[in-house]
N, C-alpha and C. Protein backbone atom coordinates (compact mmCIF):
# COMPACT_ATOMS: atom_id res chain seq x y z
N MET A 1 98.85 240.56 323.11
CA MET A 1 97.80 239.96 323.97
C MET A 1 96.37 239.65 323.35
N SER A 2 95.74 240.55 322.53
CA SER A 2 94.56 240.32 322.00
C SER A 2 94.29 239.18 321.15
N SER A 3 95.83 238.84 320.35
CA SER A 3 95.74 237.69 319.54
C SER A 3 95.73 236.54 320.19
N GLY A 4 96.49 236.54 321.38
CA GLY A 4 96.26 235.14 322.25
C GLY A 4 95.00 234.80 322.88
N ALA A 5 94.29 236.14 323.23
CA ALA A 5 93.03 235.87 323.55
C ALA A 5 92.01 235.19 322.66
N SER A 6 92.10 235.86 321.55
CA SER A 6 91.42 235.44 320.33
C SER A 6 91.70 233.97 319.83
N VAL A 7 92.92 233.48 320.10
CA VAL A 7 93.30 232.10 319.64
C VAL A 7 92.50 231.25 320.61
N SER A 8 92.55 231.63 322.02
CA SER A 8 92.21 230.84 323.06
C SER A 8 90.55 230.52 322.82
N ALA A 9 89.90 231.84 322.44
CA ALA A 9 88.47 231.80 322.40
C ALA A 9 87.90 230.98 321.04
N LEU A 10 88.92 231.04 320.02
CA LEU A 10 88.65 230.19 318.92
C LEU A 10 88.66 228.60 319.15
N GLN A 11 89.71 228.38 320.05
CA GLN A 11 89.89 226.99 320.57
C GLN A 11 88.82 226.43 321.28
N HIS A 12 88.35 227.52 322.13
CA HIS A 12 87.20 227.04 322.95
C HIS A 12 86.09 226.77 322.13
N LEU A 13 85.69 227.50 321.09
CA LEU A 13 84.65 227.64 320.13
C LEU A 13 84.76 226.30 319.29
N VAL A 14 86.06 225.91 318.85
CA VAL A 14 86.00 224.74 318.27
C VAL A 14 85.80 223.51 319.00
N GLU A 15 86.17 223.46 320.30
CA GLU A 15 85.86 222.26 321.22
C GLU A 15 84.23 222.23 321.39
N GLN A 16 83.83 223.38 321.68
CA GLN A 16 82.33 223.36 321.75
C GLN A 16 81.52 222.83 320.55
N LEU A 17 81.87 223.26 319.46
CA LEU A 17 81.32 222.78 318.13
C LEU A 17 81.56 221.25 317.85
N LYS A 18 82.71 220.71 318.38
CA LYS A 18 83.03 219.22 318.45
C LYS A 18 82.10 218.52 319.38
N LEU A 19 81.95 219.06 320.52
CA LEU A 19 80.92 218.25 321.22
C LEU A 19 79.53 218.48 320.68
N GLU A 20 78.92 219.61 320.25
CA GLU A 20 77.83 219.57 319.63
C GLU A 20 77.54 218.63 318.52
N ALA A 21 78.63 218.58 317.60
CA ALA A 21 78.64 217.66 316.37
C ALA A 21 78.43 216.05 316.89
N GLY A 22 78.67 215.85 318.01
CA GLY A 22 78.70 214.40 318.51
C GLY A 22 77.27 214.11 319.09
N VAL A 23 76.50 215.04 319.52
CA VAL A 23 75.06 214.98 320.03
C VAL A 23 74.28 214.11 319.11
N GLU A 24 73.54 213.28 319.60
CA GLU A 24 72.67 212.17 318.95
C GLU A 24 71.37 213.13 318.65
N ARG A 25 71.09 213.43 317.40
CA ARG A 25 69.90 214.08 317.03
C ARG A 25 68.46 213.32 317.03
N ILE A 26 67.46 213.84 317.36
CA ILE A 26 66.16 213.48 317.11
C ILE A 26 65.24 214.43 316.61
N LYS A 27 64.03 213.89 315.95
CA LYS A 27 63.19 214.75 315.39
C LYS A 27 62.40 215.64 316.61
N VAL A 28 62.11 216.89 316.35
CA VAL A 28 61.43 217.68 317.25
C VAL A 28 59.88 217.08 317.57
N SER A 29 59.23 216.14 316.67
CA SER A 29 58.15 215.83 316.84
C SER A 29 58.19 214.46 318.03
N GLN A 30 59.20 213.83 317.75
CA GLN A 30 59.43 212.95 318.82
C GLN A 30 59.82 213.16 320.10
N ALA A 31 60.59 214.44 320.27
CA ALA A 31 60.88 214.89 321.55
C ALA A 31 59.70 215.75 322.13
N ALA A 32 58.77 216.22 321.55
CA ALA A 32 57.58 216.83 322.00
C ALA A 32 56.63 215.87 322.54
N ASN A 33 56.41 214.96 321.95
CA ASN A 33 55.42 213.99 322.18
C ASN A 33 55.90 212.88 323.06
N ALA A 34 57.34 212.82 323.41
CA ALA A 34 57.60 211.89 324.30
C ALA A 34 57.08 211.61 325.72
N CYS A 35 56.81 212.74 326.24
CA CYS A 35 56.21 212.84 327.65
C CYS A 35 54.60 212.14 327.72
N LYS A 36 54.16 212.10 326.32
CA LYS A 36 52.74 211.48 326.46
C LYS A 36 52.68 210.17 325.81
N ASP A 37 53.78 209.56 325.17
CA ASP A 37 53.94 208.19 324.77
C ASP A 37 53.77 207.12 325.97
N ALA A 38 52.81 206.32 325.93
CA ALA A 38 52.74 205.41 326.92
C ALA A 38 53.81 204.18 326.88
N LEU A 39 54.47 204.01 325.89
CA LEU A 39 55.16 203.05 325.74
C LEU A 39 56.68 203.67 326.30
N LEU A 40 56.91 204.69 326.62
CA LEU A 40 58.02 205.39 326.95
C LEU A 40 57.88 205.55 328.51
N VAL A 41 56.78 206.22 328.85
CA VAL A 41 56.58 206.65 330.50
C VAL A 41 55.66 205.70 331.24
N GLY A 42 55.18 204.70 330.40
CA GLY A 42 54.12 203.89 330.99
C GLY A 42 52.67 204.55 331.38
N SER A 43 51.67 203.79 331.82
CA SER A 43 50.46 204.13 332.04
C SER A 43 50.19 203.71 333.43
N PRO A 44 49.39 204.48 334.27
CA PRO A 44 48.81 204.23 335.44
C PRO A 44 48.05 202.91 335.48
N ALA A 45 48.37 202.17 336.32
CA ALA A 45 47.37 200.91 336.54
C ALA A 45 45.86 200.96 336.34
N GLY A 46 45.35 202.17 336.92
CA GLY A 46 43.91 202.32 336.95
C GLY A 46 43.50 202.72 335.70
N SER A 47 44.33 203.22 334.74
CA SER A 47 43.78 203.70 333.38
C SER A 47 44.26 202.84 332.26
N ASN A 48 44.34 201.73 332.42
CA ASN A 48 44.62 200.81 331.20
C ASN A 48 43.48 200.24 330.64
N PRO A 49 43.30 200.59 329.26
CA PRO A 49 42.06 200.11 328.84
C PRO A 49 42.15 198.51 328.23
N PHE A 50 43.50 198.05 328.25
CA PHE A 50 43.46 196.84 327.84
C PHE A 50 43.48 195.50 329.11
N ARG A 51 43.44 196.09 330.24
CA ARG A 51 43.54 195.14 331.29
C ARG A 51 41.86 194.45 331.52
N GLU A 52 41.94 193.30 331.89
CA GLU A 52 40.69 192.74 332.15
C GLU A 52 39.91 193.60 333.13
N PRO A 53 38.66 193.69 333.21
CA PRO A 53 38.02 194.32 334.16
C PRO A 53 37.85 193.40 335.41
N ARG A 54 37.90 193.99 336.66
CA ARG A 54 37.65 193.23 337.92
C ARG A 54 36.40 192.87 338.20
N SER A 55 36.28 191.69 338.70
CA SER A 55 34.85 191.30 339.29
C SER A 55 34.73 191.66 340.84
N CYS A 56 33.38 191.90 341.21
CA CYS A 56 33.48 192.28 342.60
C CYS A 56 33.41 190.93 343.54
N ALA A 57 34.32 191.26 344.64
CA ALA A 57 35.06 190.40 345.40
C ALA A 57 33.72 189.72 346.29
N LEU A 58 32.59 190.45 346.34
CA LEU A 58 31.44 189.83 347.32
C LEU A 58 30.71 188.85 346.71
N LEU A 59 30.51 189.13 345.26
CA LEU A 59 29.63 188.02 344.36
C LEU A 59 30.40 186.96 344.16
């Protein structure tokens, strides 16, 4: 019985390794800074430094 369980466990391990081998890898520096990247997450409309300043509507 233990050899059958061992073979089953090894088959499961092989399947898991095959799945992990197919995962697309990225550098840690890219993953860590992705939440701060304005091109990926966008920027709030009020804090865009490249937008034209609005003029006063009363003047």
